[in-house]
């Protein structure tokens, strides 16, 4: 009798076809500097789940920093690449720290909603400006002459539309934000 070789992928189905996910994903959306990456990493530890930063996925794919990708592709090409990144994630369970302009793509947002809950990490534009002051080249899709406040006023209604929960990261510590998310979506698991 022939033994199954665990390294032989022909004897088992592809990973994506192993049935429904055991738990939903959790996506974090918001402006740059709102805490998406920080809280995704903390949630990953608390839940013992993997986490993905879609900006980092794009940087790995293109082999360049986010700002260079944005400069090379232009605004519409960058938005399309961000959308394709989200649509191609194909994960069953994990924490997703999305790029800040993902909310401009209905397809990407519907994909995130389909795989789990969405949390909007909100902060006052003045706080955001202070937080990102040391890293201004973050691949922002911003028009010439447009301020971070202008961008916030345009995107805030979209973030709120897609969010299952909104958390003010400027009024709460990272630990408190973490507890608010865990209490809302994972009250038994942690």
N, C-alpha and C. Protein backbone atom coordinates (compact mmCIF):
# COMPACT_ATOMS: atom_id res chain seq x y z
N UNK A 1 0.83 -1.18 0.00
CA UNK A 1 0.00 0.00 0.00
C UNK A 1 0.88 1.25 0.00
N UNK A 2 0.57 2.17 -0.88
CA UNK A 2 1.36 3.38 -1.03
C UNK A 2 0.96 4.40 0.04
N UNK A 3 1.97 4.96 0.73
CA UNK A 3 1.72 5.99 1.73
C UNK A 3 1.53 7.35 1.05
N UNK A 4 0.66 8.18 1.65
CA UNK A 4 0.50 9.55 1.14
C UNK A 4 1.73 10.36 1.49
N UNK A 5 2.24 11.03 0.52
CA UNK A 5 3.38 11.91 0.74
C UNK A 5 2.85 13.31 1.08
N UNK A 6 3.12 13.83 2.28
CA UNK A 6 2.58 15.13 2.65
C UNK A 6 3.10 16.26 1.78
N UNK A 7 4.20 16.05 1.10
CA UNK A 7 4.74 17.10 0.22
C UNK A 7 4.14 17.03 -1.18
N UNK A 8 3.43 15.96 -1.47
CA UNK A 8 2.83 15.79 -2.79
C UNK A 8 1.49 16.53 -2.83
N UNK A 9 1.47 17.68 -3.48
CA UNK A 9 0.26 18.50 -3.50
C UNK A 9 -0.87 17.88 -4.33
N UNK A 10 -0.56 16.91 -5.17
CA UNK A 10 -1.62 16.30 -5.98
C UNK A 10 -2.55 15.43 -5.15
N UNK A 11 -2.13 15.04 -3.94
CA UNK A 11 -2.95 14.17 -3.10
C UNK A 11 -3.91 14.96 -2.19
N UNK A 12 -3.85 16.27 -2.24
CA UNK A 12 -4.76 17.07 -1.41
C UNK A 12 -5.29 18.24 -2.23
N UNK A 13 -6.45 18.74 -1.85
CA UNK A 13 -7.03 19.85 -2.62
C UNK A 13 -6.23 21.13 -2.39
N UNK A 14 -6.33 22.08 -3.34
CA UNK A 14 -5.66 23.36 -3.15
C UNK A 14 -6.16 24.04 -1.87
N UNK A 15 -5.31 24.84 -1.26
CA UNK A 15 -5.64 25.49 0.01
C UNK A 15 -6.96 26.25 -0.04
N UNK A 16 -7.20 27.00 -1.08
CA UNK A 16 -8.42 27.81 -1.17
C UNK A 16 -9.70 26.97 -1.19
N UNK A 17 -9.61 25.72 -1.56
CA UNK A 17 -10.81 24.89 -1.69
C UNK A 17 -11.06 24.04 -0.46
N UNK A 18 -10.55 24.41 0.70
CA UNK A 18 -10.71 23.59 1.88
C UNK A 18 -11.94 23.97 2.70
N UNK A 19 -12.96 24.44 2.07
CA UNK A 19 -14.22 24.71 2.76
C UNK A 19 -14.33 26.13 3.26
N UNK A 20 -15.42 26.41 3.95
CA UNK A 20 -15.66 27.77 4.42
C UNK A 20 -14.65 28.16 5.51
N UNK A 21 -14.44 29.47 5.62
CA UNK A 21 -13.49 29.94 6.65
C UNK A 21 -14.03 29.63 8.04
N UNK A 22 -13.12 29.39 8.96
CA UNK A 22 -13.53 29.05 10.31
C UNK A 22 -13.93 30.28 11.10
N UNK A 23 -13.48 31.45 10.70
CA UNK A 23 -13.84 32.70 11.36
C UNK A 23 -13.70 33.82 10.33
N UNK A 24 -14.43 34.88 10.51
CA UNK A 24 -14.35 35.96 9.52
C UNK A 24 -13.05 36.73 9.63
N UNK A 25 -12.77 37.44 8.57
CA UNK A 25 -11.65 38.36 8.58
C UNK A 25 -12.10 39.66 9.25
N UNK A 26 -11.17 40.48 9.58
CA UNK A 26 -11.46 41.80 10.13
C UNK A 26 -10.61 42.80 9.37
N UNK A 27 -11.26 43.77 8.74
CA UNK A 27 -10.54 44.77 7.97
C UNK A 27 -10.57 46.11 8.68
N UNK A 28 -9.42 46.78 8.68
CA UNK A 28 -9.30 48.10 9.28
C UNK A 28 -9.15 49.12 8.16
N UNK A 29 -10.01 50.13 8.16
CA UNK A 29 -9.97 51.18 7.16
C UNK A 29 -9.81 52.52 7.85
N UNK A 30 -9.32 53.50 7.12
CA UNK A 30 -9.19 54.84 7.68
C UNK A 30 -8.10 55.62 6.99
N UNK A 31 -7.96 56.85 7.40
CA UNK A 31 -6.99 57.76 6.83
C UNK A 31 -5.57 57.33 7.22
N UNK A 32 -4.56 57.85 6.49
CA UNK A 32 -3.18 57.54 6.88
C UNK A 32 -2.92 58.09 8.28
N UNK A 33 -2.24 57.31 9.09
CA UNK A 33 -1.94 57.73 10.45
C UNK A 33 -3.04 57.43 11.45
N UNK A 34 -4.09 56.74 11.01
CA UNK A 34 -5.21 56.45 11.92
C UNK A 34 -4.93 55.27 12.84
N UNK A 35 -3.90 54.48 12.54
CA UNK A 35 -3.54 53.37 13.41
C UNK A 35 -3.83 51.99 12.84
N UNK A 36 -4.09 51.89 11.55
CA UNK A 36 -4.46 50.61 10.95
C UNK A 36 -3.37 49.54 11.14
N UNK A 37 -2.14 49.89 10.81
CA UNK A 37 -1.04 48.94 10.92
C UNK A 37 -0.76 48.59 12.39
N UNK A 38 -0.75 49.59 13.23
CA UNK A 38 -0.49 49.37 14.67
C UNK A 38 -1.52 48.44 15.27
N UNK A 39 -2.80 48.71 15.01
CA UNK A 39 -3.86 47.87 15.60
C UNK A 39 -3.95 46.50 14.94
N UNK A 40 -3.65 46.41 13.64
CA UNK A 40 -3.65 45.10 12.98
C UNK A 40 -2.62 44.18 13.62
N UNK A 41 -1.44 44.72 13.89
CA UNK A 41 -0.39 43.91 14.53
C UNK A 41 -0.81 43.49 15.93
N UNK A 42 -1.41 44.40 16.68
CA UNK A 42 -1.86 44.08 18.05
C UNK A 42 -3.00 43.06 18.04
N UNK A 43 -3.94 43.22 17.13
CA UNK A 43 -5.04 42.26 17.01
C UNK A 43 -4.52 40.88 16.63
N UNK A 44 -3.52 40.86 15.77
CA UNK A 44 -2.92 39.60 15.35
C UNK A 44 -2.38 38.82 16.54
N UNK A 45 -1.73 39.53 17.44
CA UNK A 45 -1.19 38.89 18.64
C UNK A 45 -2.33 38.42 19.54
N UNK A 46 -3.32 39.29 19.77
CA UNK A 46 -4.43 38.96 20.65
C UNK A 46 -5.27 37.81 20.17
N UNK A 47 -5.48 37.73 18.87
CA UNK A 47 -6.32 36.67 18.30
C UNK A 47 -5.52 35.46 17.82
N UNK A 48 -4.21 35.61 17.75
CA UNK A 48 -3.34 34.58 17.18
C UNK A 48 -3.71 34.32 15.72
N UNK A 49 -3.97 35.41 15.01
CA UNK A 49 -4.29 35.37 13.59
C UNK A 49 -3.16 36.05 12.82
N UNK A 50 -3.03 35.71 11.56
CA UNK A 50 -2.11 36.42 10.67
C UNK A 50 -2.70 37.79 10.34
N UNK A 51 -1.84 38.70 9.94
CA UNK A 51 -2.32 40.00 9.49
C UNK A 51 -1.59 40.41 8.22
N UNK A 52 -2.29 41.22 7.43
CA UNK A 52 -1.77 41.67 6.14
C UNK A 52 -1.94 43.17 6.06
N UNK A 53 -0.91 43.86 5.62
CA UNK A 53 -0.98 45.28 5.33
C UNK A 53 -0.98 45.39 3.80
N UNK A 54 -2.08 45.83 3.21
CA UNK A 54 -2.17 45.83 1.75
C UNK A 54 -1.17 46.79 1.12
N UNK A 55 -0.77 47.85 1.83
CA UNK A 55 0.29 48.72 1.31
C UNK A 55 1.59 47.94 1.18
N UNK A 56 1.90 47.11 2.17
CA UNK A 56 3.13 46.31 2.12
C UNK A 56 3.05 45.24 1.04
N UNK A 57 1.86 44.69 0.82
CA UNK A 57 1.68 43.72 -0.26
C UNK A 57 1.99 44.39 -1.61
N UNK A 58 1.48 45.62 -1.78
CA UNK A 58 1.75 46.34 -3.03
C UNK A 58 3.24 46.64 -3.18
N UNK A 59 3.90 47.04 -2.08
CA UNK A 59 5.33 47.32 -2.15
C UNK A 59 6.11 46.06 -2.50
N UNK A 60 5.70 44.93 -1.96
CA UNK A 60 6.38 43.66 -2.28
C UNK A 60 6.14 43.28 -3.74
N UNK A 61 4.94 43.45 -4.20
CA UNK A 61 4.59 43.08 -5.58
C UNK A 61 5.35 43.93 -6.59
N UNK A 62 5.35 45.25 -6.37
CA UNK A 62 5.99 46.17 -7.32
C UNK A 62 7.49 46.35 -7.06
N UNK A 63 7.96 45.92 -5.89
CA UNK A 63 9.37 46.07 -5.57
C UNK A 63 9.80 47.51 -5.40
N UNK A 64 8.88 48.32 -4.86
CA UNK A 64 9.17 49.75 -4.71
C UNK A 64 8.36 50.32 -3.54
N UNK A 65 8.81 51.44 -2.99
CA UNK A 65 8.02 52.10 -1.94
C UNK A 65 6.68 52.59 -2.50
N UNK A 66 5.71 52.73 -1.63
CA UNK A 66 4.36 53.11 -2.03
C UNK A 66 4.33 54.41 -2.83
N UNK A 67 5.06 55.42 -2.40
CA UNK A 67 5.05 56.70 -3.11
C UNK A 67 5.59 56.54 -4.54
N UNK A 68 6.62 55.72 -4.69
CA UNK A 68 7.16 55.49 -6.03
C UNK A 68 6.14 54.76 -6.91
N UNK A 69 5.41 53.83 -6.34
CA UNK A 69 4.36 53.12 -7.09
C UNK A 69 3.30 54.11 -7.54
N UNK A 70 2.88 54.99 -6.63
CA UNK A 70 1.86 56.00 -6.94
C UNK A 70 2.37 56.93 -8.04
N UNK A 71 3.64 57.36 -7.94
CA UNK A 71 4.21 58.26 -8.94
C UNK A 71 4.31 57.58 -10.30
N UNK A 72 4.69 56.30 -10.30
CA UNK A 72 4.85 55.56 -11.55
C UNK A 72 3.51 55.27 -12.23
N UNK A 73 2.50 54.87 -11.43
CA UNK A 73 1.21 54.47 -12.00
C UNK A 73 0.24 55.63 -12.20
N UNK A 74 0.46 56.73 -11.49
CA UNK A 74 -0.51 57.82 -11.51
C UNK A 74 -1.68 57.46 -10.61
N UNK A 75 -2.53 58.45 -10.30
CA UNK A 75 -3.63 58.20 -9.36
C UNK A 75 -4.58 57.07 -9.78
N UNK A 76 -5.03 57.06 -11.03
CA UNK A 76 -6.00 56.03 -11.42
C UNK A 76 -5.36 54.65 -11.47
N UNK A 77 -4.12 54.56 -11.93
CA UNK A 77 -3.43 53.28 -11.96
C UNK A 77 -3.16 52.76 -10.56
N UNK A 78 -2.82 53.67 -9.64
CA UNK A 78 -2.58 53.28 -8.25
C UNK A 78 -3.86 52.75 -7.62
N UNK A 79 -4.98 53.45 -7.85
CA UNK A 79 -6.26 52.99 -7.29
C UNK A 79 -6.64 51.62 -7.85
N UNK A 80 -6.37 51.41 -9.13
CA UNK A 80 -6.66 50.10 -9.73
C UNK A 80 -5.77 49.02 -9.11
N UNK A 81 -4.50 49.32 -8.90
CA UNK A 81 -3.58 48.35 -8.29
C UNK A 81 -4.01 48.03 -6.86
N UNK A 82 -4.46 49.06 -6.12
CA UNK A 82 -4.92 48.83 -4.75
C UNK A 82 -6.18 47.95 -4.75
N UNK A 83 -7.09 48.22 -5.68
CA UNK A 83 -8.30 47.41 -5.80
C UNK A 83 -7.94 45.96 -6.12
N UNK A 84 -7.06 45.75 -7.08
CA UNK A 84 -6.66 44.40 -7.47
C UNK A 84 -5.96 43.67 -6.31
N UNK A 85 -5.21 44.41 -5.52
CA UNK A 85 -4.55 43.81 -4.36
C UNK A 85 -5.58 43.27 -3.39
N UNK A 86 -6.60 44.07 -3.09
CA UNK A 86 -7.65 43.63 -2.15
C UNK A 86 -8.45 42.48 -2.75
N UNK A 87 -8.82 42.59 -4.01
CA UNK A 87 -9.61 41.52 -4.64
C UNK A 87 -8.84 40.22 -4.72
N UNK A 88 -7.52 40.28 -4.77
CA UNK A 88 -6.70 39.08 -4.89
C UNK A 88 -6.22 38.49 -3.57
N UNK A 89 -6.65 39.04 -2.44
CA UNK A 89 -6.16 38.55 -1.15
C UNK A 89 -6.47 37.07 -0.95
N UNK A 90 -7.69 36.66 -1.18
CA UNK A 90 -8.06 35.25 -1.08
C UNK A 90 -7.82 34.61 0.27
N UNK A 91 -8.00 35.35 1.34
CA UNK A 91 -7.76 34.77 2.67
C UNK A 91 -9.07 34.38 3.33
N UNK A 92 -8.99 33.44 4.24
CA UNK A 92 -10.17 32.95 4.94
C UNK A 92 -10.27 33.48 6.37
N UNK A 93 -9.14 33.80 6.97
CA UNK A 93 -9.15 34.36 8.32
C UNK A 93 -7.89 35.19 8.52
N UNK A 94 -8.08 36.41 8.97
CA UNK A 94 -6.93 37.28 9.22
C UNK A 94 -7.36 38.71 9.45
N UNK A 95 -6.40 39.52 9.81
CA UNK A 95 -6.61 40.94 10.01
C UNK A 95 -6.03 41.65 8.80
N UNK A 96 -6.79 42.56 8.22
CA UNK A 96 -6.35 43.29 7.04
C UNK A 96 -6.26 44.77 7.37
N UNK A 97 -5.06 45.32 7.24
CA UNK A 97 -4.85 46.77 7.34
C UNK A 97 -4.84 47.28 5.91
N UNK A 98 -5.89 47.97 5.54
CA UNK A 98 -6.03 48.39 4.14
C UNK A 98 -5.32 49.70 3.88
N UNK A 99 -5.07 49.96 2.61
CA UNK A 99 -4.57 51.27 2.20
C UNK A 99 -5.68 52.29 2.39
N UNK A 100 -5.30 53.54 2.58
CA UNK A 100 -6.30 54.55 2.93
C UNK A 100 -7.26 54.89 1.79
N UNK A 101 -6.89 54.62 0.55
CA UNK A 101 -7.79 54.95 -0.56
C UNK A 101 -8.64 53.77 -1.01
N UNK A 102 -8.56 52.64 -0.32
CA UNK A 102 -9.36 51.47 -0.68
C UNK A 102 -10.85 51.81 -0.69
N UNK A 103 -11.25 52.74 0.14
CA UNK A 103 -12.65 53.13 0.27
C UNK A 103 -13.19 53.77 -1.01
N UNK A 104 -12.32 54.16 -1.92
CA UNK A 104 -12.74 54.74 -3.19
C UNK A 104 -13.16 53.67 -4.19
N UNK A 105 -12.93 52.41 -3.87
CA UNK A 105 -13.31 51.30 -4.76
C UNK A 105 -14.47 50.51 -4.16
N UNK A 106 -15.62 50.59 -4.81
CA UNK A 106 -16.78 49.81 -4.36
C UNK A 106 -16.48 48.32 -4.40
N UNK A 107 -15.81 47.86 -5.45
CA UNK A 107 -15.49 46.44 -5.58
C UNK A 107 -14.63 45.97 -4.41
N UNK A 108 -13.59 46.73 -4.10
CA UNK A 108 -12.70 46.35 -3.01
C UNK A 108 -13.44 46.36 -1.68
N UNK A 109 -14.25 47.38 -1.43
CA UNK A 109 -14.97 47.46 -0.17
C UNK A 109 -16.01 46.35 -0.06
N UNK A 110 -16.68 46.02 -1.14
CA UNK A 110 -17.63 44.90 -1.10
C UNK A 110 -16.90 43.59 -0.83
N UNK A 111 -15.70 43.46 -1.36
CA UNK A 111 -14.91 42.25 -1.11
C UNK A 111 -14.53 42.16 0.37
N UNK A 112 -14.10 43.26 0.96
CA UNK A 112 -13.76 43.26 2.38
C UNK A 112 -14.99 42.97 3.25
N UNK A 113 -16.13 43.54 2.88
CA UNK A 113 -17.36 43.29 3.65
C UNK A 113 -17.79 41.84 3.52
N UNK A 114 -17.55 41.25 2.36
CA UNK A 114 -17.95 39.86 2.11
C UNK A 114 -17.17 38.88 2.98
N UNK A 115 -15.93 39.21 3.29
CA UNK A 115 -15.09 38.26 4.05
C UNK A 115 -15.08 38.54 5.55
N UNK A 116 -15.77 39.59 5.99
CA UNK A 116 -15.80 39.85 7.42
C UNK A 116 -16.24 41.25 7.78
N UNK A 117 -15.95 41.63 9.00
CA UNK A 117 -16.34 42.94 9.51
C UNK A 117 -15.29 44.00 9.16
N UNK A 118 -15.77 45.24 9.11
CA UNK A 118 -14.92 46.37 8.76
C UNK A 118 -14.97 47.39 9.89
N UNK A 119 -13.81 47.82 10.35
CA UNK A 119 -13.70 48.81 11.42
C UNK A 119 -13.05 50.07 10.85
N UNK A 120 -13.71 51.20 11.03
CA UNK A 120 -13.19 52.50 10.62
C UNK A 120 -12.43 53.10 11.79
N UNK A 121 -11.15 53.29 11.62
CA UNK A 121 -10.31 53.94 12.63
C UNK A 121 -10.26 55.42 12.27
N UNK A 122 -10.91 56.21 13.09
CA UNK A 122 -11.10 57.63 12.80
C UNK A 122 -10.28 58.50 13.75
N UNK A 123 -9.71 59.55 13.22
CA UNK A 123 -8.98 60.53 14.02
C UNK A 123 -9.15 61.90 13.37
N UNK A 124 -9.07 62.92 14.18
CA UNK A 124 -9.17 64.30 13.72
C UNK A 124 -8.03 64.58 12.72
N UNK A 125 -8.31 65.32 11.64
CA UNK A 125 -7.26 65.60 10.65
C UNK A 125 -6.00 66.23 11.24
N UNK A 126 -6.14 67.08 12.26
CA UNK A 126 -4.97 67.67 12.89
C UNK A 126 -4.08 66.62 13.54
N UNK A 127 -4.69 65.64 14.17
CA UNK A 127 -3.95 64.54 14.79
C UNK A 127 -3.29 63.69 13.69
N UNK A 128 -4.03 63.43 12.62
CA UNK A 128 -3.47 62.64 11.52
C UNK A 128 -2.25 63.33 10.93
N UNK A 129 -2.37 64.64 10.72
CA UNK A 129 -1.26 65.41 10.16
C UNK A 129 -0.03 65.32 11.06
N UNK A 130 -0.24 65.40 12.36
CA UNK A 130 0.86 65.28 13.31
C UNK A 130 1.49 63.88 13.24
N UNK A 131 0.64 62.85 13.16
CA UNK A 131 1.14 61.47 13.14
C UNK A 131 1.93 61.16 11.88
N UNK A 132 1.48 61.67 10.73
CA UNK A 132 2.18 61.32 9.48
C UNK A 132 3.22 62.36 9.08
N UNK A 133 3.41 63.36 9.91
CA UNK A 133 4.37 64.42 9.61
C UNK A 133 5.76 63.92 9.31
N UNK A 134 6.16 62.82 9.94
CA UNK A 134 7.49 62.28 9.70
C UNK A 134 7.56 61.37 8.48
N UNK A 135 6.40 60.99 7.94
CA UNK A 135 6.36 60.11 6.77
C UNK A 135 5.35 60.66 5.75
N UNK A 136 5.61 61.81 5.16
CA UNK A 136 4.62 62.41 4.27
C UNK A 136 4.44 61.67 2.94
N UNK A 137 5.43 60.92 2.49
CA UNK A 137 5.34 60.24 1.19
C UNK A 137 4.78 58.84 1.36
N UNK A 138 3.47 58.76 1.53
CA UNK A 138 2.82 57.49 1.81
C UNK A 138 1.93 57.02 0.67
N UNK A 139 2.16 57.53 -0.53
CA UNK A 139 1.35 57.11 -1.67
C UNK A 139 -0.05 57.68 -1.64
N UNK A 140 -0.22 58.84 -1.06
CA UNK A 140 -1.56 59.44 -0.97
C UNK A 140 -2.08 59.84 -2.34
N UNK A 141 -3.35 59.57 -2.55
CA UNK A 141 -4.03 60.06 -3.75
C UNK A 141 -4.65 61.40 -3.35
N UNK A 142 -3.91 62.47 -3.59
CA UNK A 142 -4.33 63.80 -3.18
C UNK A 142 -4.04 64.76 -4.32
N UNK A 143 -4.99 65.61 -4.61
CA UNK A 143 -4.85 66.56 -5.71
C UNK A 143 -3.94 67.71 -5.30
N UNK A 144 -3.33 68.36 -6.28
CA UNK A 144 -2.50 69.53 -6.00
C UNK A 144 -3.35 70.58 -5.29
N UNK A 145 -2.83 71.12 -4.21
CA UNK A 145 -3.56 72.14 -3.46
C UNK A 145 -4.55 71.58 -2.45
N UNK A 146 -4.81 70.29 -2.51
CA UNK A 146 -5.75 69.67 -1.58
C UNK A 146 -5.03 69.37 -0.26
N UNK A 147 -5.71 69.60 0.85
CA UNK A 147 -5.12 69.35 2.17
C UNK A 147 -5.58 68.01 2.71
N UNK A 148 -4.94 67.57 3.78
CA UNK A 148 -5.36 66.35 4.45
C UNK A 148 -6.78 66.51 4.99
N UNK A 149 -7.11 67.71 5.44
CA UNK A 149 -8.46 68.00 5.92
C UNK A 149 -9.48 67.85 4.79
N UNK A 150 -9.14 68.33 3.59
CA UNK A 150 -10.02 68.17 2.42
C UNK A 150 -10.24 66.68 2.12
N UNK A 151 -9.16 65.94 2.15
CA UNK A 151 -9.22 64.51 1.89
C UNK A 151 -10.09 63.81 2.93
N UNK A 152 -9.92 64.18 4.19
CA UNK A 152 -10.72 63.61 5.28
C UNK A 152 -12.21 63.88 5.04
N UNK A 153 -12.55 65.12 4.72
CA UNK A 153 -13.98 65.47 4.52
C UNK A 153 -14.58 64.71 3.34
N UNK A 154 -13.78 64.40 2.34
CA UNK A 154 -14.27 63.64 1.19
C UNK A 154 -14.45 62.15 1.53
N UNK A 155 -13.51 61.60 2.29
CA UNK A 155 -13.52 60.15 2.53
C UNK A 155 -14.30 59.73 3.78
N UNK A 156 -14.40 60.61 4.77
CA UNK A 156 -15.07 60.24 6.02
C UNK A 156 -16.46 59.64 5.78
N UNK A 157 -17.32 60.24 4.93
CA UNK A 157 -18.64 59.62 4.71
C UNK A 157 -18.54 58.20 4.11
N UNK A 158 -17.54 57.97 3.27
CA UNK A 158 -17.37 56.64 2.68
C UNK A 158 -16.90 55.63 3.73
N UNK A 159 -15.95 56.04 4.55
CA UNK A 159 -15.50 55.15 5.63
C UNK A 159 -16.67 54.78 6.54
N UNK A 160 -17.47 55.79 6.91
CA UNK A 160 -18.61 55.53 7.81
C UNK A 160 -19.64 54.63 7.14
N UNK A 161 -19.83 54.79 5.84
CA UNK A 161 -20.80 53.97 5.10
C UNK A 161 -20.47 52.48 5.18
N UNK A 162 -19.19 52.15 5.03
CA UNK A 162 -18.79 50.74 4.98
C UNK A 162 -18.50 50.14 6.35
N UNK A 163 -18.35 50.95 7.37
CA UNK A 163 -17.90 50.46 8.68
C UNK A 163 -19.00 49.75 9.46
N UNK A 164 -18.61 48.64 10.09
CA UNK A 164 -19.48 47.97 11.06
C UNK A 164 -19.26 48.56 12.45
N UNK A 165 -18.12 49.20 12.63
CA UNK A 165 -17.78 49.86 13.89
C UNK A 165 -16.84 51.01 13.57
N UNK A 166 -17.01 52.13 14.27
CA UNK A 166 -16.10 53.27 14.15
C UNK A 166 -15.45 53.49 15.50
N UNK A 167 -14.13 53.64 15.49
CA UNK A 167 -13.38 53.87 16.72
C UNK A 167 -12.53 55.11 16.55
N UNK A 168 -12.62 56.00 17.50
CA UNK A 168 -11.81 57.22 17.50
C UNK A 168 -10.44 56.89 18.09
N UNK A 169 -9.44 56.82 17.22
CA UNK A 169 -8.09 56.50 17.69
C UNK A 169 -7.39 57.72 18.29
N UNK A 170 -7.95 58.89 18.07
CA UNK A 170 -7.36 60.09 18.68
C UNK A 170 -7.89 60.33 20.09
N UNK A 171 -8.97 59.68 20.45
CA UNK A 171 -9.57 59.85 21.78
C UNK A 171 -9.36 58.64 22.68
N UNK A 172 -8.80 57.57 22.12
CA UNK A 172 -8.58 56.33 22.87
C UNK A 172 -7.15 55.85 22.66
N UNK A 173 -6.59 55.24 23.68
CA UNK A 173 -5.24 54.66 23.56
C UNK A 173 -5.30 53.46 22.63
N UNK A 174 -4.17 53.04 22.07
CA UNK A 174 -4.17 51.83 21.25
C UNK A 174 -4.73 50.62 22.02
N UNK A 175 -4.38 50.48 23.30
CA UNK A 175 -4.91 49.36 24.10
C UNK A 175 -6.42 49.42 24.22
N UNK A 176 -6.95 50.61 24.43
CA UNK A 176 -8.41 50.78 24.55
C UNK A 176 -9.09 50.47 23.21
N UNK A 177 -8.51 50.94 22.11
CA UNK A 177 -9.05 50.64 20.77
C UNK A 177 -9.07 49.14 20.53
N UNK A 178 -7.99 48.48 20.89
CA UNK A 178 -7.89 47.03 20.76
C UNK A 178 -9.01 46.34 21.53
N UNK A 179 -9.22 46.74 22.78
CA UNK A 179 -10.26 46.14 23.61
C UNK A 179 -11.65 46.40 23.04
N UNK A 180 -11.88 47.58 22.47
CA UNK A 180 -13.18 47.90 21.89
C UNK A 180 -13.49 46.97 20.71
N UNK A 181 -12.49 46.71 19.88
CA UNK A 181 -12.68 45.82 18.74
C UNK A 181 -12.90 44.39 19.21
N UNK A 182 -12.06 43.94 20.13
CA UNK A 182 -12.18 42.57 20.63
C UNK A 182 -13.53 42.35 21.32
N UNK A 183 -13.96 43.31 22.12
CA UNK A 183 -15.26 43.18 22.81
C UNK A 183 -16.42 43.15 21.84
N UNK A 184 -16.32 43.88 20.75
CA UNK A 184 -17.42 43.93 19.79
C UNK A 184 -17.51 42.67 18.93
N UNK A 185 -16.37 42.23 18.41
CA UNK A 185 -16.40 41.15 17.42
C UNK A 185 -15.92 39.80 17.93
N UNK A 186 -15.19 39.78 19.04
CA UNK A 186 -14.62 38.53 19.53
C UNK A 186 -14.77 38.42 21.05
N UNK A 187 -15.96 38.57 21.58
CA UNK A 187 -16.10 38.61 23.05
C UNK A 187 -15.76 37.30 23.74
N UNK A 188 -15.83 36.18 23.06
CA UNK A 188 -15.59 34.88 23.69
C UNK A 188 -14.19 34.37 23.42
N UNK A 189 -13.64 34.70 22.26
CA UNK A 189 -12.37 34.12 21.82
C UNK A 189 -11.17 34.59 22.62
N UNK A 190 -11.21 35.79 23.19
CA UNK A 190 -10.02 36.33 23.85
C UNK A 190 -10.20 36.32 25.34
